[in-house]
Amino acid sequence: MPADDASSSQTSATGNPLQNPSFLTAPQTIFPGLRAQGVLALGDRGVLITRSADIAAVLTHPEVFSSGMATQTGTQRPLIPLQIDPPRHREYRRILDPLFSPQRVKEMEGPVTDLARSLVDAIAAENEVDFVQRFSVPFPSQVFLALLGLPIDELPRFLELKDGFIRPESITGNPRRHQDSVALLQRTAASIYEYFEAVIAERQVRSKEDIISLFLETEVDGARLSHEDILDICFLLLVAGLDTVSASLDCMMLHLALHPDRRRALVEDPSLIPNAVEELLRWESPVTMVARSATEDTEIAGCPVRKGQVVAALLGAANTDDEAIPDPDVVRFDRPVNRHIAFGRGIHRCLGSHLARLELRIALREWHARIPDYRVPPGFQPAFTSAIRSLAALPLQLGPSALTTQACLAPRAVAGS
């Protein structure tokens, strides 16, 4: 289908809108044009899908659209359970799901709340802070390190490993497929394996009250995790646990800083926070895309897809599709039903979604209880990373002010009004 001038400007020279910086800043303004084009070809590699029905069909049919084939990233083995398809996937989730259940996560609420309060207390008296450096990185990172029983003073090392694996191009300055970026990714992956080999060996000798020790001890119907299983799970937890909640906080706090009315609503009525978390996850969709690979020749909405081709699904486009979400362009903290797929859909839905929700609710609650007024400096322009929309910096000016910042980012100010 030929694209009109507006929609064609939404794609880069390679036809991939994810490589367009304006897409990362205000994707909600671009999604309608992409959905109107249907299934988009990404050269010989595969297709991009943006409609809710198409994405649901792909994510709920792992026998045709494999998670294991599309997401190989230079690791020695597939990451568990993300890159494992049925029937093995079900076996792993039977063991892992109880360890990340709502009941188990609820037990973490006290320590996570204490951590959030201590970080906010250290910030509250200041006039201006970088939210990324002072909160969105240290808060979920310390939760993750405590969960795995890893030393807090090694956080800089873990962050370096995470960035070297998830976005090596941001370190090398070269495209992701460039030999320098590939080499960095492979070195980083080897370092992550080496680190967790040592940790697992230590836990086998001396157990602790942490998730790695639970991995070693847990048994379901006689099935236990192997050494390599635990290694691959820990690898995934490192790269996921140190990035996705941080990115979600970046997106949410920037949104609230640019929309004082919504921020005031949370301050005046904290009971809105759980719904606000869900609505901002829907609207911002910090994880922009998930990928699958066709296991056979097939089609999506009449578009042929060959065996081995990649299918890239834009979660944010599905989360703003009026075929699935009523009034999708309106941000509502009182939305009665919110069937967003920010955590994915189908059998590969995010294993840590309950913990992520807990962290996000506590973060917004504790921050707004102590720091009700904040804004971004005039003229601030965010620079989001691709794939997972995190910020390198988010300066916030704290304290009461009559200054409105709605005009700082015109596309975002209009979207979701």
Protein backbone atom coordinates (compact mmCIF):
# COMPACT_ATOMS: atom_id res chain seq x y z
CA MET A 1 0.00 0.00 0.00
CA PRO A 2 1.56 3.34 -1.01
CA ALA A 3 2.21 5.69 1.89
CA ASP A 4 1.13 9.31 1.85
CA ASP A 5 3.58 12.11 2.62
CA ALA A 6 2.82 12.12 6.32
CA SER A 7 3.28 8.42 6.86
CA SER A 8 6.35 8.14 4.67
CA SER A 9 8.07 10.77 6.78
CA GLN A 10 7.57 8.50 9.75
CA THR A 11 10.06 5.95 8.45
CA SER A 12 13.79 6.24 8.07
CA ALA A 13 15.73 5.75 4.89
CA THR A 14 15.77 2.02 5.61
CA GLY A 15 12.01 1.93 6.10
CA ASN A 16 12.31 1.24 9.82
CA PRO A 17 10.51 3.82 11.99
CA LEU A 18 12.39 2.60 15.07
CA GLN A 19 15.49 4.30 13.69
CA ASN A 20 13.76 7.69 13.55
CA PRO A 21 14.68 9.83 16.64
CA SER A 22 11.27 11.55 16.57
CA PHE A 23 9.63 8.13 16.83
CA LEU A 24 11.34 7.54 20.16
CA THR A 25 10.37 10.96 21.52
CA ALA A 26 6.67 10.91 20.61
CA PRO A 27 5.75 7.50 19.19
CA GLN A 28 2.05 8.00 19.91
CA THR A 29 1.86 10.62 17.14
CA ILE A 30 3.32 8.20 14.60
CA PHE A 31 1.43 5.00 15.45
CA PRO A 32 -1.82 5.94 13.61
CA GLY A 33 0.02 6.42 10.31
CA LEU A 34 1.83 3.13 10.74
CA ARG A 35 -1.37 1.23 11.56
CA ALA A 36 -3.01 2.74 8.46
CA GLN A 37 -0.31 1.15 6.29
CA GLY A 38 -0.98 -2.36 7.59
CA VAL A 39 1.90 -4.82 7.61
CA LEU A 40 5.15 -3.03 6.70
CA ALA A 41 8.03 -4.76 4.94
CA LEU A 42 11.48 -4.38 6.49
CA GLY A 43 13.41 -5.48 3.42
CA ASP A 44 14.29 -9.15 3.21
CA ARG A 45 14.60 -9.50 6.99
CA GLY A 46 10.89 -9.52 7.71
CA VAL A 47 7.91 -7.33 8.54
CA LEU A 48 6.73 -4.78 11.09
CA ILE A 49 3.23 -5.17 12.53
CA THR A 50 1.35 -2.44 14.37
CA ARG A 51 -2.31 -3.43 14.63
CA SER A 52 -3.59 -4.96 17.85
CA ALA A 53 -5.28 -7.95 16.17
CA ASP A 54 -2.17 -8.82 14.16
CA ILE A 55 0.10 -8.55 17.19
CA ALA A 56 -2.26 -10.68 19.29
CA ALA A 57 -2.28 -13.38 16.62
CA VAL A 58 1.52 -13.46 16.45
CA LEU A 59 2.12 -13.45 20.21
CA THR A 60 -0.42 -16.19 20.91
CA HIS A 61 0.79 -18.67 18.27
CA PRO A 62 4.32 -19.67 19.26
CA GLU A 63 4.13 -22.76 17.05
CA VAL A 64 4.20 -20.44 14.00
CA PHE A 65 5.99 -17.41 15.41
CA SER A 66 8.90 -18.57 17.53
CA SER A 67 10.45 -16.56 20.34
CA GLY A 68 13.58 -18.69 20.31
CA MET A 69 14.54 -18.06 16.71
CA ALA A 70 14.03 -14.32 16.50
CA THR A 71 15.88 -13.10 19.54
CA GLN A 72 19.27 -14.79 19.47
CA THR A 73 21.66 -12.10 20.65
CA GLY A 74 25.12 -13.56 20.86
CA THR A 75 24.55 -15.69 23.94
CA GLN A 76 25.81 -19.25 24.22
CA ARG A 77 22.27 -20.58 24.66
CA PRO A 78 18.73 -19.21 24.59
CA LEU A 79 17.84 -17.04 27.58
CA ILE A 80 15.30 -18.74 29.85
CA PRO A 81 12.32 -18.47 29.65
CA LEU A 82 12.24 -15.60 27.11
CA GLN A 83 13.81 -17.47 24.19
CA ILE A 84 12.29 -20.89 24.86
CA ASP A 85 9.21 -22.17 23.03
CA PRO A 86 6.73 -24.86 24.12
CA PRO A 87 6.75 -27.51 25.36
CA ARG A 88 9.97 -26.71 27.29
CA HIS A 89 8.74 -23.21 28.01
CA ARG A 90 5.83 -24.54 30.07
CA GLU A 91 8.21 -26.66 32.14
CA TYR A 92 10.35 -23.65 33.03
CA ARG A 93 7.38 -21.40 33.82
CA ARG A 94 5.94 -24.04 36.17
CA ILE A 95 9.14 -23.73 38.20
CA LEU A 96 9.69 -19.98 37.86
CA ASP A 97 6.18 -18.52 38.10
CA PRO A 98 5.72 -19.35 41.82
CA LEU A 99 9.01 -17.56 42.60
CA PHE A 100 7.64 -14.34 41.04
CA SER A 101 3.99 -14.77 42.05
CA PRO A 102 1.91 -11.87 43.43
CA GLN A 103 2.06 -13.47 46.89
CA ARG A 104 5.86 -13.76 46.88
CA VAL A 105 6.27 -10.25 45.45
CA LYS A 106 3.95 -8.86 48.15
CA GLU A 107 6.48 -10.01 50.75
CA MET A 108 8.98 -7.57 49.23
CA GLU A 109 6.78 -4.50 49.64
CA GLY A 110 8.26 -3.41 53.01
CA PRO A 111 11.95 -3.48 51.99
CA VAL A 112 11.19 -1.95 48.57
CA THR A 113 9.22 0.86 50.23
CA ASP A 114 12.06 1.54 52.67
CA LEU A 115 14.51 1.78 49.78
CA ALA A 116 12.30 4.18 47.83
CA ARG A 117 11.82 6.40 50.87
CA SER A 118 15.53 6.57 51.59
CA LEU A 119 16.29 7.63 48.02
CA VAL A 120 13.50 10.23 47.98
CA ASP A 121 14.56 11.58 51.40
CA ALA A 122 18.05 12.20 50.04
CA ILE A 123 16.60 14.16 47.10
CA ALA A 124 13.69 16.11 48.63
CA ALA A 125 15.65 19.08 49.94
CA GLU A 126 17.48 19.76 46.67
CA ASN A 127 16.52 22.27 44.01
CA GLU A 128 17.39 20.26 40.94
CA VAL A 129 18.34 16.62 40.39
CA ASP A 130 18.95 14.21 37.56
CA PHE A 131 16.12 11.75 38.10
CA VAL A 132 17.93 9.05 36.15
CA GLN A 133 21.11 9.12 38.22
CA ARG A 134 19.42 9.71 41.57
CA PHE A 135 16.35 7.48 41.34
CA SER A 136 15.31 5.63 38.19
CA VAL A 137 18.61 3.74 37.96
CA PRO A 138 19.50 3.12 41.63
CA PHE A 139 15.99 2.22 42.82
CA PRO A 140 15.14 -0.80 40.62
CA SER A 141 18.82 -1.75 40.39
CA GLN A 142 19.12 -2.10 44.15
CA VAL A 143 15.88 -4.09 44.25
CA PHE A 144 17.33 -6.42 41.64
CA LEU A 145 20.67 -6.80 43.42
CA ALA A 146 18.94 -7.56 46.72
CA LEU A 147 16.72 -10.14 44.98
CA LEU A 148 19.77 -11.94 43.61
CA GLY A 149 21.87 -11.42 46.73
CA LEU A 150 24.53 -9.46 44.84
CA PRO A 151 26.69 -6.69 46.36
CA ILE A 152 25.38 -3.14 45.93
CA ASP A 153 28.89 -1.75 45.48
CA GLU A 154 29.20 -3.69 42.22
CA LEU A 155 26.27 -1.82 40.65
CA PRO A 156 28.49 0.21 38.25
CA ARG A 157 29.91 -3.04 36.92
CA PHE A 158 26.45 -4.54 36.42
CA LEU A 159 25.24 -1.42 34.60
CA GLU A 160 28.26 -1.55 32.32
CA LEU A 161 27.54 -5.20 31.53
CA LYS A 162 23.86 -4.46 30.92
CA ASP A 163 24.59 -1.61 28.50
CA GLY A 164 27.31 -3.55 26.71
CA PHE A 165 24.83 -6.32 26.00
CA ILE A 166 21.57 -4.42 25.38
CA ARG A 167 22.91 -1.41 23.47
CA PRO A 168 26.57 -1.90 22.47
CA GLU A 169 26.09 0.61 19.66
CA SER A 170 25.71 3.41 22.22
CA ILE A 171 29.18 2.59 23.56
CA THR A 172 31.05 1.93 20.30
CA GLY A 173 29.36 4.71 18.35
CA ASN A 174 28.84 2.24 15.49
CA PRO A 175 25.67 0.48 14.28
CA ARG A 176 24.60 -2.61 16.20
CA ARG A 177 25.70 -4.96 13.42
CA HIS A 178 29.11 -3.32 13.03
CA GLN A 179 31.98 -5.61 13.94
CA ASP A 180 33.01 -3.39 16.87
CA SER A 181 29.51 -3.51 18.37
CA VAL A 182 29.22 -7.25 17.79
CA ALA A 183 32.61 -7.83 19.41
CA LEU A 184 31.64 -5.75 22.46
CA LEU A 185 28.35 -7.63 22.81
CA GLN A 186 30.14 -10.98 22.67
CA ARG A 187 32.78 -9.91 25.21
CA THR A 188 30.05 -8.63 27.50
CA ALA A 189 28.04 -11.84 27.21
CA ALA A 190 31.16 -13.86 28.10
CA SER A 191 31.73 -11.64 31.16
CA ILE A 192 28.13 -12.11 32.32
CA TYR A 193 28.42 -15.89 32.05
CA GLU A 194 31.73 -15.83 33.91
CA TYR A 195 30.33 -13.69 36.72
CA PHE A 196 27.27 -15.87 37.33
CA GLU A 197 29.28 -19.08 37.06
CA ALA A 198 31.18 -17.90 40.14
CA VAL A 199 28.02 -16.78 41.99
CA ILE A 200 26.21 -20.07 41.38
CA ALA A 201 29.24 -22.06 42.50
CA GLU A 202 29.35 -19.99 45.70
CA ARG A 203 25.63 -20.54 46.41
CA GLN A 204 26.05 -24.29 45.95
CA VAL A 205 28.52 -24.21 48.84
CA ARG A 206 26.86 -21.54 50.96
CA SER A 207 23.14 -20.89 50.44
CA LYS A 208 21.62 -17.44 51.06
CA GLU A 209 18.12 -16.00 51.28
CA ASP A 210 18.08 -14.92 47.64
CA ILE A 211 16.53 -15.98 44.36
CA ILE A 212 19.65 -17.78 43.10
CA SER A 213 19.60 -20.05 46.15
CA LEU A 214 15.90 -20.69 45.50
CA PHE A 215 16.71 -21.65 41.92
CA LEU A 216 19.09 -24.28 43.27
CA GLU A 217 16.54 -25.65 45.74
CA THR A 218 13.20 -25.42 43.92
CA GLU A 219 11.62 -28.59 42.61
CA VAL A 220 8.24 -29.05 40.90
CA ASP A 221 6.96 -32.61 40.34
CA GLY A 222 10.50 -33.89 40.52
CA ALA A 223 11.85 -31.37 37.99
CA ARG A 224 14.74 -29.13 38.99
CA LEU A 225 16.73 -26.48 37.18
CA SER A 226 20.11 -27.52 35.82
CA HIS A 227 23.29 -25.48 36.30
CA GLU A 228 23.03 -24.12 32.75
CA ASP A 229 19.34 -23.36 33.26
CA ILE A 230 20.13 -21.20 36.28
CA LEU A 231 22.96 -19.50 34.41
CA ASP A 232 20.69 -18.59 31.51
CA ILE A 233 17.92 -17.37 33.83
CA CYS A 234 20.36 -15.16 35.75
CA PHE A 235 21.66 -13.73 32.47
CA LEU A 236 18.14 -12.71 31.49
CA LEU A 237 17.36 -11.27 34.93
CA LEU A 238 20.49 -9.10 34.77
CA VAL A 239 19.74 -7.50 31.42
CA ALA A 240 15.98 -7.21 32.09
CA GLY A 241 16.05 -6.33 35.78
CA LEU A 242 18.43 -3.42 35.35
CA ASP A 243 16.70 -1.75 32.43
CA THR A 244 12.94 -2.11 31.99
CA VAL A 245 11.74 -0.63 35.30
CA SER A 246 14.28 2.19 35.02
CA ALA A 247 13.01 2.98 31.52
CA SER A 248 9.39 2.86 32.70
CA LEU A 249 10.16 5.34 35.47
CA ASP A 250 11.90 7.65 33.00
CA CYS A 251 8.87 7.66 30.71
CA MET A 252 6.36 8.09 33.52
CA MET A 253 8.14 10.90 35.32
CA LEU A 254 8.78 12.85 32.14
CA HIS A 255 5.12 12.50 31.25
CA LEU A 256 4.00 13.70 34.69
CA ALA A 257 6.50 16.57 34.66
CA LEU A 258 5.01 17.74 31.37
CA HIS A 259 1.39 17.32 32.53
CA PRO A 260 1.00 19.09 35.91
CA ASP A 261 -2.73 18.35 36.05
CA ARG A 262 -2.07 14.62 36.03
CA ARG A 263 0.71 14.99 38.55
CA ARG A 264 -1.58 16.96 40.88
CA ALA A 265 -4.24 14.27 40.54
CA LEU A 266 -1.81 11.70 41.98
CA VAL A 267 -0.72 14.03 44.77
CA GLU A 268 -4.29 14.81 45.78
CA ASP A 269 -5.53 11.23 45.45
CA PRO A 270 -2.78 8.58 45.83
CA SER A 271 -5.40 5.86 45.37
CA LEU A 272 -5.18 6.66 41.65
CA ILE A 273 -1.55 5.50 41.48
CA PRO A 274 -2.17 1.81 40.64
CA ASN A 275 -4.42 2.81 37.73
CA ALA A 276 -1.98 5.54 36.73
CA VAL A 277 0.81 2.99 36.51
CA GLU A 278 -1.27 0.85 34.16
CA GLU A 279 -2.33 3.80 32.03
CA LEU A 280 1.19 5.18 31.71
CA LEU A 281 2.50 1.72 30.85
CA ARG A 282 -0.13 1.61 28.11
CA TRP A 283 0.49 5.12 26.83
CA GLU A 284 4.29 5.18 27.03
CA SER A 285 4.94 1.47 26.29
CA PRO A 286 8.60 1.68 27.38
CA VAL A 287 9.42 -1.66 25.72
CA THR A 288 8.65 -0.62 22.17
CA MET A 289 8.96 -3.90 20.34
CA VAL A 290 9.13 -7.68 20.64
CA ALA A 291 10.32 -9.97 17.86
CA ARG A 292 9.32 -13.40 16.65
CA SER A 293 10.54 -15.58 13.78
CA ALA A 294 8.33 -17.51 11.39
CA THR A 295 8.76 -21.26 11.69
CA GLU A 296 7.01 -21.83 8.35
CA ASP A 297 5.76 -19.91 5.34
CA THR A 298 2.68 -18.05 6.52
CA GLU A 299 0.90 -14.72 6.25
CA ILE A 300 -0.23 -11.88 8.49
CA ALA A 301 -3.33 -9.95 7.41
CA GLY A 302 -2.78 -11.19 3.87
CA CYS A 303 0.91 -10.24 3.77
CA PRO A 304 3.21 -13.21 2.99
CA VAL A 305 5.88 -14.02 5.58
CA ARG A 306 8.55 -16.54 4.66
CA LYS A 307 10.01 -19.14 6.99
CA GLY A 308 12.87 -17.62 8.97
CA GLN A 309 11.77 -14.00 8.52
CA VAL A 310 11.50 -11.79 11.58
CA VAL A 311 8.16 -10.35 12.67
CA ALA A 312 8.63 -7.19 14.74
CA ALA A 313 5.58 -6.22 16.80
CA LEU A 314 5.20 -2.65 18.06
CA LEU A 315 3.58 -2.97 21.48
CA GLY A 316 2.87 0.74 21.78
CA ALA A 317 0.97 0.73 18.50
CA ALA A 318 -1.27 -2.05 19.81
CA ASN A 319 -1.71 -0.16 23.08
CA THR A 320 -3.07 2.88 21.21
CA ASP A 321 -5.21 1.01 18.67
CA ASP A 322 -8.84 2.10 18.88
CA GLU A 323 -9.88 -1.36 17.70
CA ALA A 324 -8.70 -2.69 21.08
CA ILE A 325 -8.65 0.28 23.49
CA PRO A 326 -11.56 2.75 23.85
CA ASP A 327 -10.44 6.37 23.48
CA PRO A 328 -6.78 5.31 23.15
CA ASP A 329 -5.48 8.85 22.59
CA VAL A 330 -6.80 10.04 25.96
CA VAL A 331 -4.68 9.41 29.07
CA ARG A 332 -7.14 8.49 31.82
CA PHE A 333 -6.16 7.47 35.32
CA ASP A 334 -9.77 6.38 35.90
CA ARG A 335 -9.87 4.00 32.92
CA PRO A 336 -12.13 1.17 34.16
CA VAL A 337 -10.58 -1.59 32.03
CA ASN A 338 -7.02 -1.45 30.72
CA ARG A 339 -6.04 -4.42 28.57
CA HIS A 340 -2.64 -3.09 27.54
CA ILE A 341 0.17 -5.40 26.48
CA ALA A 342 3.13 -3.41 27.82
CA PHE A 343 4.32 -6.66 29.45
CA GLY A 344 3.66 -8.67 26.31
CA ARG A 345 0.98 -11.23 25.67
CA GLY A 346 0.62 -14.97 25.47
CA ILE A 347 2.89 -17.54 27.06
CA HIS A 348 5.94 -15.26 26.98
CA ARG A 349 4.28 -12.51 28.98
CA CYS A 350 6.88 -10.90 31.27
CA LEU A 351 7.90 -13.18 34.13
CA GLY A 352 8.68 -10.21 36.39
CA SER A 353 5.55 -8.14 35.70
CA HIS A 354 4.23 -8.41 39.27
CA LEU A 355 7.53 -7.16 40.70
CA ALA A 356 7.73 -4.38 38.13
CA ARG A 357 4.22 -3.19 39.01
CA LEU A 358 5.10 -3.20 42.72
CA GLU A 359 8.23 -1.12 42.12
CA LEU A 360 6.43 1.39 39.89
CA ARG A 361 3.53 1.86 42.33
CA ILE A 362 5.85 2.34 45.28
CA ALA A 363 8.09 4.72 43.35
CA LEU A 364 5.22 7.01 42.31
CA ARG A 365 3.64 6.86 45.76
CA GLU A 366 6.76 7.69 47.74
CA TRP A 367 8.03 10.32 45.32
CA HIS A 368 4.78 12.28 45.20
CA ALA A 369 4.28 12.04 48.96
CA ARG A 370 7.54 13.95 49.46
CA ILE A 371 8.04 15.83 46.19
CA PRO A 372 4.66 16.94 44.84
CA ASP A 373 6.05 19.74 42.62
CA TYR A 374 8.64 19.24 39.90
CA ARG A 375 9.20 20.13 36.26
CA VAL A 376 11.75 19.75 33.52
CA PRO A 377 13.90 22.82 32.77
CA PRO A 378 12.64 25.00 29.91
CA GLY A 379 13.85 23.75 26.56
CA PHE A 380 14.83 20.29 27.74
CA GLN A 381 14.70 17.77 24.90
CA PRO A 382 14.85 14.11 25.90
CA ALA A 383 17.01 11.62 24.04
CA PHE A 384 15.44 8.18 24.30
CA THR A 385 17.26 4.97 23.54
CA SER A 386 15.76 2.58 21.01
CA ALA A 387 13.95 -0.70 21.72
CA ILE A 388 13.63 0.15 25.42
CA ARG A 389 12.84 3.85 25.85
CA SER A 390 15.20 4.92 28.62
CA LEU A 391 16.86 8.29 29.14
CA ALA A 392 20.52 9.05 29.78
CA ALA A 393 19.41 12.07 31.82
CA LEU A 394 16.16 13.59 33.10
CA PRO A 395 16.80 16.88 34.92
CA LEU A 396 14.00 17.87 37.27
CA GLN A 397 13.59 21.19 39.04
CA LEU A 398 11.95 20.61 42.41
CA GLY A 399 9.61 22.81 44.39
CA PRO A 400 6.54 24.97 43.74
CA SER A 401 6.52 27.15 40.65
CA ALA A 402 4.02 28.86 38.40
CA LEU A 403 6.12 27.80 35.41
CA THR A 404 4.28 25.55 33.00
CA THR A 405 6.26 23.19 30.86
CA GLN A 406 3.59 22.04 28.48
CA ALA A 407 5.38 23.78 25.57
CA CYS A 408 8.77 22.19 26.18
CA LEU A 409 7.98 19.24 23.96
CA ALA A 410 5.24 20.17 21.54
CA PRO A 411 4.53 16.66 20.19
CA ARG A 412 4.21 15.13 23.65
CA ALA A 413 2.15 18.07 24.94
CA VAL A 414 -0.43 17.51 22.24
CA ALA A 415 -0.50 13.73 22.50
CA GLY A 416 -2.61 12.28 25.25
CA SER A 417 -4.23 15.58 26.09
